[in-house]
Amino acid sequence: MENVIFLSESAAYQVKDMMEQNNEQDAYLRVFVKGGGCSGLSYGMTLEHTVKETDIEFEQHGVKVLVEKTDAAILQGTKIDYKQSLLGGGFTIDNPNAIATCGCGSSFRTATNAGAPGDC
């Protein structure tokens, strides 16, 4: 199936490490969009064991990924990386469809979906 998002090798390594630490090696990484944040939409990632009929399923660097078909247009072409710094590490998300993001970087909106703005 089509790759909606692209995981870097370092992001995939981090996801696999988290799966191993939580004894979830057979889980999928679900990447999703939900309403909220000061710009209207927020990203989410979770480990899940159930594939729904409405999911797009693909694999990158050994990580099985799920994206809801309704989120695919918003997430198409998104790159997820993992960066390590002196203050710790974290996932970074680069979405080419985002036309605006909030100052804290946790929410966004696209040209076709403003979401449901709320508090950051």
PDB file of N, CA and C in Angstrom:
ATOM      1  N   MET A   1       0.848  -1.179   0.000  1.00  0.00           N
ATOM      2  CA  MET A   1       0.000   0.000   0.000  1.00  0.00           C
ATOM      3  C   MET A   1       0.896   1.246   0.000  1.00  0.00           C
ATOM      4  N   GLU A   2       0.357   2.348  -0.377  1.00  0.00           N
ATOM      5  CA  GLU A   2       1.058   3.619  -0.519  1.00  0.00           C
ATOM      6  C   GLU A   2       1.594   4.135   0.822  1.00  0.00           C
ATOM      7  N   ASN A   3       2.813   4.672   0.815  1.00  0.00           N
ATOM      8  CA  ASN A   3       3.389   5.296   2.001  1.00  0.00           C
ATOM      9  C   ASN A   3       2.886   6.723   2.108  1.00  0.00           C
ATOM     10  N   VAL A   4       2.132   7.005   3.141  1.00  0.00           N
ATOM     11  CA  VAL A   4       1.596   8.344   3.356  1.00  0.00           C
ATOM     12  C   VAL A   4       2.642   9.207   4.047  1.00  0.00           C
ATOM     13  N   ILE A   5       3.315   8.634   5.039  1.00  0.00           N
ATOM     14  CA  ILE A   5       4.353   9.338   5.775  1.00  0.00           C
ATOM     15  C   ILE A   5       5.678   8.626   5.570  1.00  0.00           C
ATOM     16  N   PHE A   6       6.751   9.309   5.901  1.00  0.00           N
ATOM     17  CA  PHE A   6       8.079   8.738   5.747  1.00  0.00           C
ATOM     18  C   PHE A   6       8.802   8.814   7.090  1.00  0.00           C
ATOM     19  N   LEU A   7       9.150   7.656   7.636  1.00  0.00           N
ATOM     20  CA  LEU A   7       9.924   7.577   8.870  1.00  0.00           C
ATOM     21  C   LEU A   7      11.407   7.570   8.524  1.00  0.00           C
ATOM     22  N   SER A   8      12.173   8.397   9.207  1.00  0.00           N
ATOM     23  CA  SER A   8      13.621   8.321   9.033  1.00  0.00           C
ATOM     24  C   SER A   8      14.115   7.062   9.731  1.00  0.00           C
ATOM     25  N   GLU A   9      15.336   6.668   9.432  1.00  0.00           N
ATOM     26  CA  GLU A   9      15.900   5.496  10.103  1.00  0.00           C
ATOM     27  C   GLU A   9      16.006   5.725  11.609  1.00  0.00           C
ATOM     28  N   SER A  10      16.372   6.947  12.012  1.00  0.00           N
ATOM     29  CA  SER A  10      16.494   7.210  13.449  1.00  0.00           C
ATOM     30  C   SER A  10      15.129   7.189  14.135  1.00  0.00           C
ATOM     31  N   ALA A  11      14.079   7.666  13.471  1.00  0.00           N
ATOM     32  CA  ALA A  11      12.729   7.593  14.048  1.00  0.00           C
ATOM     33  C   ALA A  11      12.280   6.147  14.161  1.00  0.00           C
ATOM     34  N   ALA A  12      12.531   5.354  13.123  1.00  0.00           N
ATOM     35  CA  ALA A  12      12.165   3.930  13.154  1.00  0.00           C
ATOM     36  C   ALA A  12      12.911   3.210  14.262  1.00  0.00           C
ATOM     37  N   TYR A  13      14.200   3.518  14.434  1.00  0.00           N
ATOM     38  CA  TYR A  13      14.988   2.906  15.493  1.00  0.00           C
ATOM     39  C   TYR A  13      14.386   3.234  16.859  1.00  0.00           C
ATOM     40  N   GLN A  14      14.009   4.490  17.054  1.00  0.00           N
ATOM     41  CA  GLN A  14      13.426   4.909  18.333  1.00  0.00           C
ATOM     42  C   GLN A  14      12.084   4.219  18.578  1.00  0.00           C
ATOM     43  N   VAL A  15      11.248   4.112  17.549  1.00  0.00           N
ATOM     44  CA  VAL A  15       9.950   3.428  17.683  1.00  0.00           C
ATOM     45  C   VAL A  15      10.173   1.966  18.045  1.00  0.00           C
ATOM     46  N   LYS A  16      11.109   1.312  17.355  1.00  0.00           N
ATOM     47  CA  LYS A  16      11.388  -0.101  17.655  1.00  0.00           C
ATOM     48  C   LYS A  16      11.920  -0.264  19.078  1.00  0.00           C
ATOM     49  N   ASP A  17      12.744   0.669  19.527  1.00  0.00           N
ATOM     50  CA  ASP A  17      13.267   0.624  20.887  1.00  0.00           C
ATOM     51  C   ASP A  17      12.125   0.773  21.901  1.00  0.00           C
ATOM     52  N   MET A  18      11.206   1.702  21.660  1.00  0.00           N
ATOM     53  CA  MET A  18      10.050   1.885  22.544  1.00  0.00           C
ATOM     54  C   MET A  18       9.169   0.634  22.544  1.00  0.00           C
ATOM     55  N   MET A  19       8.984   0.034  21.385  1.00  0.00           N
ATOM     56  CA  MET A  19       8.189  -1.193  21.299  1.00  0.00           C
ATOM     57  C   MET A  19       8.830  -2.295  22.140  1.00  0.00           C
ATOM     58  N   GLU A  20      10.148  -2.422  22.026  1.00  0.00           N
ATOM     59  CA  GLU A  20      10.854  -3.464  22.778  1.00  0.00           C
ATOM     60  C   GLU A  20      10.772  -3.214  24.281  1.00  0.00           C
ATOM     61  N   GLN A  21      10.963  -1.965  24.688  1.00  0.00           N
ATOM     62  CA  GLN A  21      10.906  -1.624  26.109  1.00  0.00           C
ATOM     63  C   GLN A  21       9.531  -1.898  26.711  1.00  0.00           C
ATOM     64  N   ASN A  22       8.484  -1.763  25.906  1.00  0.00           N
ATOM     65  CA  ASN A  22       7.115  -1.963  26.374  1.00  0.00           C
ATOM     66  C   ASN A  22       6.548  -3.326  25.982  1.00  0.00           C
ATOM     67  N   ASN A  23       7.427  -4.217  25.511  1.00  0.00           N
ATOM     68  CA  ASN A  23       7.012  -5.554  25.074  1.00  0.00           C
ATOM     69  C   ASN A  23       5.868  -5.492  24.052  1.00  0.00           C
ATOM     70  N   GLU A  24       6.034  -4.613  23.071  1.00  0.00           N
ATOM     71  CA  GLU A  24       5.017  -4.374  22.038  1.00  0.00           C
ATOM     72  C   GLU A  24       5.598  -4.605  20.641  1.00  0.00           C
ATOM     73  N   GLN A  25       6.527  -5.556  20.504  1.00  0.00           N
ATOM     74  CA  GLN A  25       7.229  -5.753  19.236  1.00  0.00           C
ATOM     75  C   GLN A  25       6.289  -6.066  18.071  1.00  0.00           C
ATOM     76  N   ASP A  26       5.113  -6.599  18.338  1.00  0.00           N
ATOM     77  CA  ASP A  26       4.189  -6.944  17.250  1.00  0.00           C
ATOM     78  C   ASP A  26       3.169  -5.839  16.980  1.00  0.00           C
ATOM     79  N   ALA A  27       3.351  -4.676  17.594  1.00  0.00           N
ATOM     80  CA  ALA A  27       2.394  -3.576  17.428  1.00  0.00           C
ATOM     81  C   ALA A  27       2.650  -2.795  16.142  1.00  0.00           C
ATOM     82  N   TYR A  28       1.674  -2.005  15.783  1.00  0.00           N
ATOM     83  CA  TYR A  28       1.761  -1.043  14.685  1.00  0.00           C
ATOM     84  C   TYR A  28       1.980   0.339  15.287  1.00  0.00           C
ATOM     85  N   LEU A  29       2.638   1.216  14.549  1.00  0.00           N
ATOM     86  CA  LEU A  29       2.700   2.622  14.911  1.00  0.00           C
ATOM     87  C   LEU A  29       1.554   3.319  14.196  1.00  0.00           C
ATOM     88  N   ARG A  30       0.604   3.844  14.959  1.00  0.00           N
ATOM     89  CA  ARG A  30      -0.495   4.613  14.356  1.00  0.00           C
ATOM     90  C   ARG A  30      -0.121   6.091  14.414  1.00  0.00           C
ATOM     91  N   VAL A  31      -0.159   6.756  13.260  1.00  0.00           N
ATOM     92  CA  VAL A  31       0.068   8.191  13.157  1.00  0.00           C
ATOM     93  C   VAL A  31      -1.276   8.804  12.784  1.00  0.00           C
ATOM     94  N   PHE A  32      -1.696   9.829  13.554  1.00  0.00           N
ATOM     95  CA  PHE A  32      -3.029  10.383  13.316  1.00  0.00           C
ATOM     96  C   PHE A  32      -3.047  11.887  13.528  1.00  0.00           C
ATOM     97  N   VAL A  33      -4.160  12.484  13.135  1.00  0.00           N
ATOM     98  CA  VAL A  33      -4.406  13.908  13.293  1.00  0.00           C
ATOM     99  C   VAL A  33      -5.694  14.044  14.088  1.00  0.00           C
ATOM    100  N   LYS A  34      -5.694  14.992  15.022  1.00  0.00           N
ATOM    101  CA  LYS A  34      -6.903  15.265  15.794  1.00  0.00           C
ATOM    102  C   LYS A  34      -7.088  16.771  15.892  1.00  0.00           C
ATOM    103  N   GLY A  35      -8.294  17.203  16.150  1.00  0.00           N
ATOM    104  CA  GLY A  35      -8.578  18.619  16.323  1.00  0.00           C
ATOM    105  C   GLY A  35      -7.996  19.110  17.631  1.00  0.00           C
ATOM    106  N   GLY A  36      -7.568  20.370  17.647  1.00  0.00           N
ATOM    107  CA  GLY A  36      -7.072  20.958  18.876  1.00  0.00           C
ATOM    108  C   GLY A  36      -5.804  21.747  18.666  1.00  0.00           C
ATOM    109  N   GLY A  37      -5.320  22.320  19.752  1.00  0.00           N
ATOM    110  CA  GLY A  37      -4.153  23.185  19.671  1.00  0.00           C
ATOM    111  C   GLY A  37      -4.550  24.547  19.145  1.00  0.00           C
ATOM    112  N   CYS A  38      -3.700  25.528  19.290  1.00  0.00           N
ATOM    113  CA  CYS A  38      -4.069  26.890  18.910  1.00  0.00           C
ATOM    114  C   CYS A  38      -4.190  27.084  17.392  1.00  0.00           C
ATOM    115  N   SER A  39      -3.601  26.188  16.585  1.00  0.00           N
ATOM    116  CA  SER A  39      -3.738  26.310  15.129  1.00  0.00           C
ATOM    117  C   SER A  39      -4.851  25.435  14.555  1.00  0.00           C
ATOM    118  N   GLY A  40      -5.401  24.516  15.343  1.00  0.00           N
ATOM    119  CA  GLY A  40      -6.561  23.762  14.881  1.00  0.00           C
ATOM    120  C   GLY A  40      -6.394  22.267  14.757  1.00  0.00           C
ATOM    121  N   LEU A  41      -5.208  21.776  14.428  1.00  0.00           N
ATOM    122  CA  LEU A  41      -4.963  20.338  14.282  1.00  0.00           C
ATOM    123  C   LEU A  41      -3.701  19.962  15.052  1.00  0.00           C
ATOM    124  N   SER A  42      -3.685  18.756  15.600  1.00  0.00           N
ATOM    125  CA  SER A  42      -2.516  18.256  16.317  1.00  0.00           C
ATOM    126  C   SER A  42      -2.178  16.859  15.829  1.00  0.00           C
ATOM    127  N   TYR A  43      -0.895  16.509  15.908  1.00  0.00           N
ATOM    128  CA  TYR A  43      -0.437  15.172  15.542  1.00  0.00           C
ATOM    129  C   TYR A  43      -0.535  14.256  16.746  1.00  0.00           C
ATOM    130  N   GLY A  44      -0.663  12.962  16.457  1.00  0.00           N
ATOM    131  CA  GLY A  44      -0.609  11.965  17.508  1.00  0.00           C
ATOM    132  C   GLY A  44       0.060  10.707  16.985  1.00  0.00           C
ATOM    133  N   MET A  45       0.707   9.985  17.880  1.00  0.00           N
ATOM    134  CA  MET A  45       1.304   8.688  17.554  1.00  0.00           C
ATOM    135  C   MET A  45       1.047   7.767  18.731  1.00  0.00           C
ATOM    136  N   THR A  46       0.690   6.527  18.424  1.00  0.00           N
ATOM    137  CA  THR A  46       0.452   5.540  19.460  1.00  0.00           C
ATOM    138  C   THR A  46       0.779   4.157  18.922  1.00  0.00           C
ATOM    139  N   LEU A  47       0.990   3.224  19.811  1.00  0.00           N
ATOM    140  CA  LEU A  47       1.180   1.828  19.418  1.00  0.00           C
ATOM    141  C   LEU A  47      -0.163   1.137  19.489  1.00  0.00           C
ATOM    142  N   GLU A  48      -0.451   0.333  18.474  1.00  0.00           N
ATOM    143  CA  GLU A  48      -1.767  -0.296  18.380  1.00  0.00           C
ATOM    144  C   GLU A  48      -1.641  -1.687  17.778  1.00  0.00           C
ATOM    145  N   HIS A  49      -2.585  -2.552  18.135  1.00  0.00           N
ATOM    146  CA  HIS A  49      -2.559  -3.931  17.644  1.00  0.00           C
ATOM    147  C   HIS A  49      -3.667  -4.234  16.643  1.00  0.00           C
ATOM    148  N   THR A  50      -4.610  -3.317  16.460  1.00  0.00           N
ATOM    149  CA  THR A  50      -5.762  -3.576  15.604  1.00  0.00           C
ATOM    150  C   THR A  50      -5.704  -2.744  14.331  1.00  0.00           C
ATOM    151  N   VAL A  51      -5.841  -3.405  13.203  1.00  0.00           N
ATOM    152  CA  VAL A  51      -5.939  -2.729  11.912  1.00  0.00           C
ATOM    153  C   VAL A  51      -7.416  -2.610  11.580  1.00  0.00           C
ATOM    154  N   LYS A  52      -7.856  -1.368  11.311  1.00  0.00           N
ATOM    155  CA  LYS A  52      -9.252  -1.130  10.962  1.00  0.00           C
ATOM    156  C   LYS A  52      -9.423  -1.153   9.439  1.00  0.00           C
ATOM    157  N   GLU A  53     -10.635  -1.379   9.023  1.00  0.00           N
ATOM    158  CA  GLU A  53     -10.958  -1.401   7.591  1.00  0.00           C
ATOM    159  C   GLU A  53     -10.645  -0.060   6.930  1.00  0.00           C
ATOM    160  N   THR A  54     -10.667   1.009   7.708  1.00  0.00           N
ATOM    161  CA  THR A  54     -10.428   2.356   7.183  1.00  0.00           C
ATOM    162  C   THR A  54      -8.964   2.780   7.256  1.00  0.00           C
ATOM    163  N   ASP A  55      -8.059   1.839   7.535  1.00  0.00           N
ATOM    164  CA  ASP A  55      -6.635   2.150   7.661  1.00  0.00           C
ATOM    165  C   ASP A  55      -5.868   1.916   6.368  1.00  0.00           C
ATOM    166  N   ILE A  56      -4.843   2.722   6.187  1.00  0.00           N
ATOM    167  CA  ILE A  56      -3.818   2.469   5.184  1.00  0.00           C
ATOM    168  C   ILE A  56      -2.657   1.865   5.966  1.00  0.00           C
ATOM    169  N   GLU A  57      -2.149   0.747   5.506  1.00  0.00           N
ATOM    170  CA  GLU A  57      -1.090   0.024   6.210  1.00  0.00           C
ATOM    171  C   GLU A  57       0.138  -0.068   5.317  1.00  0.00           C
ATOM    172  N   PHE A  58       1.314   0.247   5.877  1.00  0.00           N
ATOM    173  CA  PHE A  58       2.566   0.118   5.143  1.00  0.00           C
ATOM    174  C   PHE A  58       3.698  -0.087   6.143  1.00  0.00           C
ATOM    175  N   GLU A  59       4.881  -0.365   5.659  1.00  0.00           N
ATOM    176  CA  GLU A  59       6.022  -0.621   6.526  1.00  0.00           C
ATOM    177  C   GLU A  59       7.217   0.197   6.072  1.00  0.00           C
ATOM    178  N   GLN A  60       7.957   0.744   7.054  1.00  0.00           N
ATOM    179  CA  GLN A  60       9.182   1.481   6.757  1.00  0.00           C
ATOM    180  C   GLN A  60      10.247   1.150   7.785  1.00  0.00           C
ATOM    181  N   HIS A  61      11.408   0.768   7.324  1.00  0.00           N
ATOM    182  CA  HIS A  61      12.546   0.436   8.190  1.00  0.00           C
ATOM    183  C   HIS A  61      12.156  -0.560   9.274  1.00  0.00           C
ATOM    184  N   GLY A  62      11.290  -1.507   8.921  1.00  0.00           N
ATOM    185  CA  GLY A  62      10.890  -2.548   9.861  1.00  0.00           C
ATOM    186  C   GLY A  62       9.782  -2.161  10.819  1.00  0.00           C
ATOM    187  N   VAL A  63       9.209  -0.971  10.670  1.00  0.00           N
ATOM    188  CA  VAL A  63       8.095  -0.527  11.513  1.00  0.00           C
ATOM    189  C   VAL A  63       6.815  -0.578  10.683  1.00  0.00           C
ATOM    190  N   LYS A  64       5.807  -1.297  11.201  1.00  0.00           N
ATOM    191  CA  LYS A  64       4.505  -1.338  10.545  1.00  0.00           C
ATOM    192  C   LYS A  64       3.727  -0.088  10.957  1.00  0.00           C
ATOM    193  N   VAL A  65       3.238   0.667   9.960  1.00  0.00           N
ATOM    194  CA  VAL A  65       2.595   1.960  10.197  1.00  0.00           C
ATOM    195  C   VAL A  65       1.138   1.908   9.746  1.00  0.00           C
ATOM    196  N   LEU A  66       0.268   2.557  10.540  1.00  0.00           N
ATOM    197  CA  LEU A  66      -1.148   2.701  10.194  1.00  0.00           C
ATOM    198  C   LEU A  66      -1.501   4.185  10.129  1.00  0.00           C
ATOM    199  N   VAL A  67      -2.289   4.556   9.111  1.00  0.00           N
ATOM    200  CA  VAL A  67      -2.839   5.900   8.982  1.00  0.00           C
ATOM    201  C   VAL A  67      -4.291   5.742   8.537  1.00  0.00           C
ATOM    202  N   GLU A  68      -5.207   6.415   9.233  1.00  0.00           N
ATOM    203  CA  GLU A  68      -6.613   6.421   8.819  1.00  0.00           C
ATOM    204  C   GLU A  68      -6.714   7.047   7.430  1.00  0.00           C
ATOM    205  N   LYS A  69      -7.554   6.484   6.582  1.00  0.00           N
ATOM    206  CA  LYS A  69      -7.742   7.042   5.238  1.00  0.00           C
ATOM    207  C   LYS A  69      -8.180   8.496   5.296  1.00  0.00           C
ATOM    208  N   THR A  70      -8.971   8.874   6.323  1.00  0.00           N
ATOM    209  CA  THR A  70      -9.433  10.258   6.436  1.00  0.00           C
ATOM    210  C   THR A  70      -8.298  11.226   6.783  1.00  0.00           C
ATOM    211  N   ASP A  71      -7.209  10.721   7.370  1.00  0.00           N
ATOM    212  CA  ASP A  71      -6.059  11.568   7.704  1.00  0.00           C
ATOM    213  C   ASP A  71      -5.007  11.592   6.597  1.00  0.00           C
ATOM    214  N   ALA A  72      -5.128  10.717   5.630  1.00  0.00           N
ATOM    215  CA  ALA A  72      -4.083  10.547   4.612  1.00  0.00           C
ATOM    216  C   ALA A  72      -3.799  11.834   3.835  1.00  0.00           C
ATOM    217  N   ALA A  73      -4.827  12.567   3.422  1.00  0.00           N
ATOM    218  CA  ALA A  73      -4.595  13.783   2.637  1.00  0.00           C
ATOM    219  C   ALA A  73      -3.864  14.840   3.458  1.00  0.00           C
ATOM    220  N   ILE A  74      -4.170  14.914   4.748  1.00  0.00           N
ATOM    221  CA  ILE A  74      -3.526  15.893   5.621  1.00  0.00           C
ATOM    222  C   ILE A  74      -2.068  15.515   5.873  1.00  0.00           C
ATOM    223  N   LEU A  75      -1.787  14.218   5.971  1.00  0.00           N
ATOM    224  CA  LEU A  75      -0.447  13.734   6.314  1.00  0.00           C
ATOM    225  C   LEU A  75       0.423  13.376   5.109  1.00  0.00           C
ATOM    226  N   GLN A  76      -0.137  13.379   3.905  1.00  0.00           N
ATOM    227  CA  GLN A  76       0.602  12.953   2.718  1.00  0.00           C
ATOM    228  C   GLN A  76       1.935  13.681   2.588  1.00  0.00           C
ATOM    229  N   GLY A  77       3.023  12.913   2.532  1.00  0.00           N
ATOM    230  CA  GLY A  77       4.354  13.488   2.359  1.00  0.00           C
ATOM    231  C   GLY A  77       5.040  13.912   3.650  1.00  0.00           C
ATOM    232  N   THR A  78       4.385  13.698   4.787  1.00  0.00           N
ATOM    233  CA  THR A  78       4.950  14.091   6.075  1.00  0.00           C
ATOM    234  C   THR A  78       6.174  13.246   6.407  1.00  0.00           C
ATOM    235  N   LYS A  79       7.213  13.912   6.918  1.00  0.00           N
ATOM    236  CA  LYS A  79       8.446  13.230   7.324  1.00  0.00           C
ATOM    237  C   LYS A  79       8.551  13.273   8.842  1.00  0.00           C
ATOM    238  N   ILE A  80       8.756  12.096   9.440  1.00  0.00           N
ATOM    239  CA  ILE A  80       8.932  11.997  10.885  1.00  0.00           C
ATOM    240  C   ILE A  80      10.371  11.577  11.159  1.00  0.00           C
ATOM    241  N   ASP A  81      11.045  12.365  11.968  1.00  0.00           N
ATOM    242  CA  ASP A  81      12.438  12.102  12.308  1.00  0.00           C
ATOM    243  C   ASP A  81      12.552  12.072  13.831  1.00  0.00           C
ATOM    244  N   TYR A  82      13.675  11.613  14.313  1.00  0.00           N
ATOM    245  CA  TYR A  82      13.963  11.652  15.743  1.00  0.00           C
ATOM    246  C   TYR A  82      15.294  12.354  15.909  1.00  0.00           C
ATOM    247  N   LYS A  83      15.307  13.419  16.712  1.00  0.00           N
ATOM    248  CA  LYS A  83      16.514  14.213  16.931  1.00  0.00           C
ATOM    249  C   LYS A  83      16.931  14.109  18.387  1.00  0.00           C
ATOM    250  N   GLN A  84      18.227  13.954  18.582  1.00  0.00           N
ATOM    251  CA  GLN A  84      18.804  13.900  19.922  1.00  0.00           C
ATOM    252  C   GLN A  84      19.577  15.186  20.155  1.00  0.00           C
ATOM    253  N   SER A  85      19.423  15.804  21.344  1.00  0.00           N
ATOM    254  CA  SER A  85      20.179  17.013  21.688  1.00  0.00           C
ATOM    255  C   SER A  85      20.656  16.912  23.127  1.00  0.00           C
ATOM    256  N   LEU A  86      21.327  17.932  23.588  1.00  0.00           N
ATOM    257  CA  LEU A  86      21.818  17.945  24.961  1.00  0.00           C
ATOM    258  C   LEU A  86      20.680  17.897  25.974  1.00  0.00           C
ATOM    259  N   LEU A  87      19.526  18.400  25.605  1.00  0.00           N
ATOM    260  CA  LEU A  87      18.377  18.434  26.504  1.00  0.00           C
ATOM    261  C   LEU A  87      17.508  17.187  26.406  1.00  0.00           C
ATOM    262  N   GLY A  88      17.894  16.255  25.568  1.00  0.00           N
ATOM    263  CA  GLY A  88      17.107  15.035  25.383  1.00  0.00           C
ATOM    264  C   GLY A  88      16.784  14.832  23.924  1.00  0.00           C
ATOM    265  N   GLY A  89      15.818  13.987  23.664  1.00  0.00           N
ATOM    266  CA  GLY A  89      15.456  13.693  22.290  1.00  0.00           C
ATOM    267  C   GLY A  89      13.963  13.810  22.087  1.00  0.00           C
ATOM    268  N   GLY A  90      13.580  13.847  20.826  1.00  0.00           N
ATOM    269  CA  GLY A  90      12.163  13.915  20.505  1.00  0.00           C
ATOM    270  C   GLY A  90      11.916  13.753  19.025  1.00  0.00           C
ATOM    271  N   PHE A  91      10.686  13.410  18.711  1.00  0.00           N
ATOM    272  CA  PHE A  91      10.278  13.273  17.322  1.00  0.00           C
ATOM    273  C   PHE A  91      10.020  14.646  16.735  1.00  0.00           C
ATOM    274  N   THR A  92      10.411  14.823  15.479  1.00  0.00           N
ATOM    275  CA  THR A  92      10.089  16.037  14.739  1.00  0.00           C
ATOM    276  C   THR A  92       9.205  15.640  13.564  1.00  0.00           C
ATOM    277  N   ILE A  93       8.268  16.501  13.243  1.00  0.00           N
ATOM    278  CA  ILE A  93       7.324  16.224  12.166  1.00  0.00           C
ATOM    279  C   ILE A  93       7.374  17.379  11.174  1.00  0.00           C
ATOM    280  N   ASP A  94       7.659  17.046   9.926  1.00  0.00           N
ATOM    281  CA  ASP A  94       7.712  18.036   8.849  1.00  0.00           C
ATOM    282  C   ASP A  94       6.603  17.696   7.861  1.00  0.00           C
ATOM    283  N   ASN A  95       5.536  18.475   7.911  1.00  0.00           N
ATOM    284  CA  ASN A  95       4.372  18.236   7.065  1.00  0.00           C
ATOM    285  C   ASN A  95       4.312  19.298   5.967  1.00  0.00           C
ATOM    286  N   PRO A  96       4.501  18.899   4.701  1.00  0.00           N
ATOM    287  CA  PRO A  96       4.484  19.878   3.614  1.00  0.00           C
ATOM    288  C   PRO A  96       3.101  20.483   3.375  1.00  0.00           C
ATOM    289  N   ASN A  97       2.062  19.900   3.964  1.00  0.00           N
ATOM    290  CA  ASN A  97       0.701  20.404   3.787  1.00  0.00           C
ATOM    291  C   ASN A  97       0.331  21.477   4.809  1.00  0.00           C
ATOM    292  N   ALA A  98       1.130  21.643   5.851  1.00  0.00           N
ATOM    293  CA  ALA A  98       0.838  22.640   6.884  1.00  0.00           C
ATOM    294  C   ALA A  98       1.145  24.027   6.348  1.00  0.00           C
ATOM    295  N   ILE A  99       0.163  24.917   6.429  1.00  0.00           N
ATOM    296  CA  ILE A  99       0.376  26.293   5.969  1.00  0.00           C
ATOM    297  C   ILE A  99       0.585  27.236   7.140  1.00  0.00           C
ATOM    298  N   ALA A 100       0.261  26.774   8.360  1.00  0.00           N
ATOM    299  CA  ALA A 100       0.474  27.580   9.559  1.00  0.00           C
ATOM    300  C   ALA A 100       0.689  26.650  10.743  1.00  0.00           C
ATOM    301  N   THR A 101       1.584  27.045  11.622  1.00  0.00           N
ATOM    302  CA  THR A 101       1.814  26.297  12.857  1.00  0.00           C
ATOM    303  C   THR A 101       1.792  27.292  14.012  1.00  0.00           C
ATOM    304  N   CYS A 102       1.564  26.774  15.202  1.00  0.00           N
ATOM    305  CA  CYS A 102       1.555  27.654  16.371  1.00  0.00           C
ATOM    306  C   CYS A 102       2.988  27.871  16.850  1.00  0.00           C
ATOM    307  N   GLY A 103       3.163  28.825  17.745  1.00  0.00           N
ATOM    308  CA  GLY A 103       4.490  29.151  18.260  1.00  0.00           C
ATOM    309  C   GLY A 103       5.162  27.999  18.979  1.00  0.00           C
ATOM    310  N   CYS A 104       4.370  27.161  19.656  1.00  0.00           N
ATOM    311  CA  CYS A 104       4.978  26.043  20.389  1.00  0.00           C
ATOM    312  C   CYS A 104       5.259  24.861  19.471  1.00  0.00           C
ATOM    313  N   GLY A 105       4.753  24.902  18.228  1.00  0.00           N
ATOM    314  CA  GLY A 105       5.058  23.869  17.248  1.00  0.00           C
ATOM    315  C   GLY A 105       4.261  22.594  17.382  1.00  0.00           C
ATOM    316  N   SER A 106       3.246  22.576  18.252  1.00  0.00           N
ATOM    317  CA  SER A 106       2.500  21.334  18.455  1.00  0.00           C
ATOM    318  C   SER A 106       1.202  21.267  17.673  1.00  0.00           C
ATOM    319  N   SER A 107       0.803  22.352  17.029  1.00  0.00           N
ATOM    320  CA  SER A 107      -0.415  22.288  16.228  1.00  0.00           C
ATOM    321  C   SER A 107      -0.205  22.997  14.896  1.00  0.00           C
ATOM    322  N   PHE A 108      -1.119  22.732  13.962  1.00  0.00           N
ATOM    323  CA  PHE A 108      -0.976  23.240  12.602  1.00  0.00           C
ATOM    324  C   PHE A 108      -2.336  23.304  11.939  1.00  0.00           C
ATOM    325  N   ARG A 109      -2.382  23.863  10.748  1.00  0.00           N
ATOM    326  CA  ARG A 109      -3.563  23.786   9.887  1.00  0.00           C
ATOM    327  C   ARG A 109      -3.096  23.688   8.450  1.00  0.00           C
ATOM    328  N   THR A 110      -3.985  23.178   7.601  1.00  0.00           N
ATOM    329  CA  THR A 110      -3.668  23.061   6.181  1.00  0.00           C
ATOM    330  C   THR A 110      -4.584  23.988   5.406  1.00  0.00           C
ATOM    331  N   ALA A 111      -4.348  24.111   4.114  1.00  0.00           N
ATOM    332  CA  ALA A 111      -5.178  24.969   3.283  1.00  0.00           C
ATOM    333  C   ALA A 111      -6.607  24.467   3.215  1.00  0.00           C
ATOM    334  N   THR A 112      -6.810  23.166   3.376  1.00  0.00           N
ATOM    335  CA  THR A 112      -8.155  22.603   3.252  1.00  0.00           C
ATOM    336  C   THR A 112      -8.765  22.167   4.571  1.00  0.00           C
ATOM    337  N   ASN A 113      -8.011  22.266   5.685  1.00  0.00           N
ATOM    338  CA  ASN A 113      -8.538  21.819   6.975  1.00  0.00           C
ATOM    339  C   ASN A 113      -7.973  22.682   8.090  1.00  0.00           C
ATOM    340  N   ALA A 114      -8.863  23.494   8.688  1.00  0.00           N
ATOM    341  CA  ALA A 114      -8.457  24.384   9.773  1.00  0.00           C
ATOM    342  C   ALA A 114      -8.603  23.714  11.133  1.00  0.00           C
ATOM    343  N   GLY A 115      -9.237  22.536  11.176  1.00  0.00           N
ATOM    344  CA  GLY A 115      -9.394  21.823  12.437  1.00  0.00           C
ATOM    345  C   GLY A 115     -10.303  22.542  13.405  1.00  0.00           C
ATOM    346  N   ALA A 116     -10.062  22.337  14.688  1.00  0.00           N
ATOM    347  CA  ALA A 116     -10.855  22.932  15.757  1.00  0.00           C
ATOM    348  C   ALA A 116      -9.910  23.579  16.750  1.00  0.00           C
ATOM    349  N   PRO A 117      -9.545  24.860  16.522  1.00  0.00           N
ATOM    350  CA  PRO A 117      -8.587  25.515  17.415  1.00  0.00           C
ATOM    351  C   PRO A 117      -9.038  25.488  18.863  1.00  0.00           C
ATOM    352  N   GLY A 118      -8.067  25.335  19.738  1.00  0.00           N
ATOM    353  CA  GLY A 118      -8.307  25.349  21.173  1.00  0.00           C
ATOM    354  C   GLY A 118      -7.046  25.814  21.865  1.00  0.00           C
ATOM    355  N   ASP A 119      -6.910  25.483  23.123  1.00  0.00           N
ATOM    356  CA  ASP A 119      -5.722  25.868  23.874  1.00  0.00           C
ATOM    357  C   ASP A 119      -4.538  24.988  23.516  1.00  0.00           C
ATOM    358  N   CYS A 120      -3.343  25.563  23.525  1.00  0.00           N
ATOM    359  CA  CYS A 120      -2.108  24.802  23.320  1.00  0.00           C
ATOM    360  C   CYS A 120      -1.723  24.113  24.596  1.00  0.00           C
TER     361      CYS A 120
END
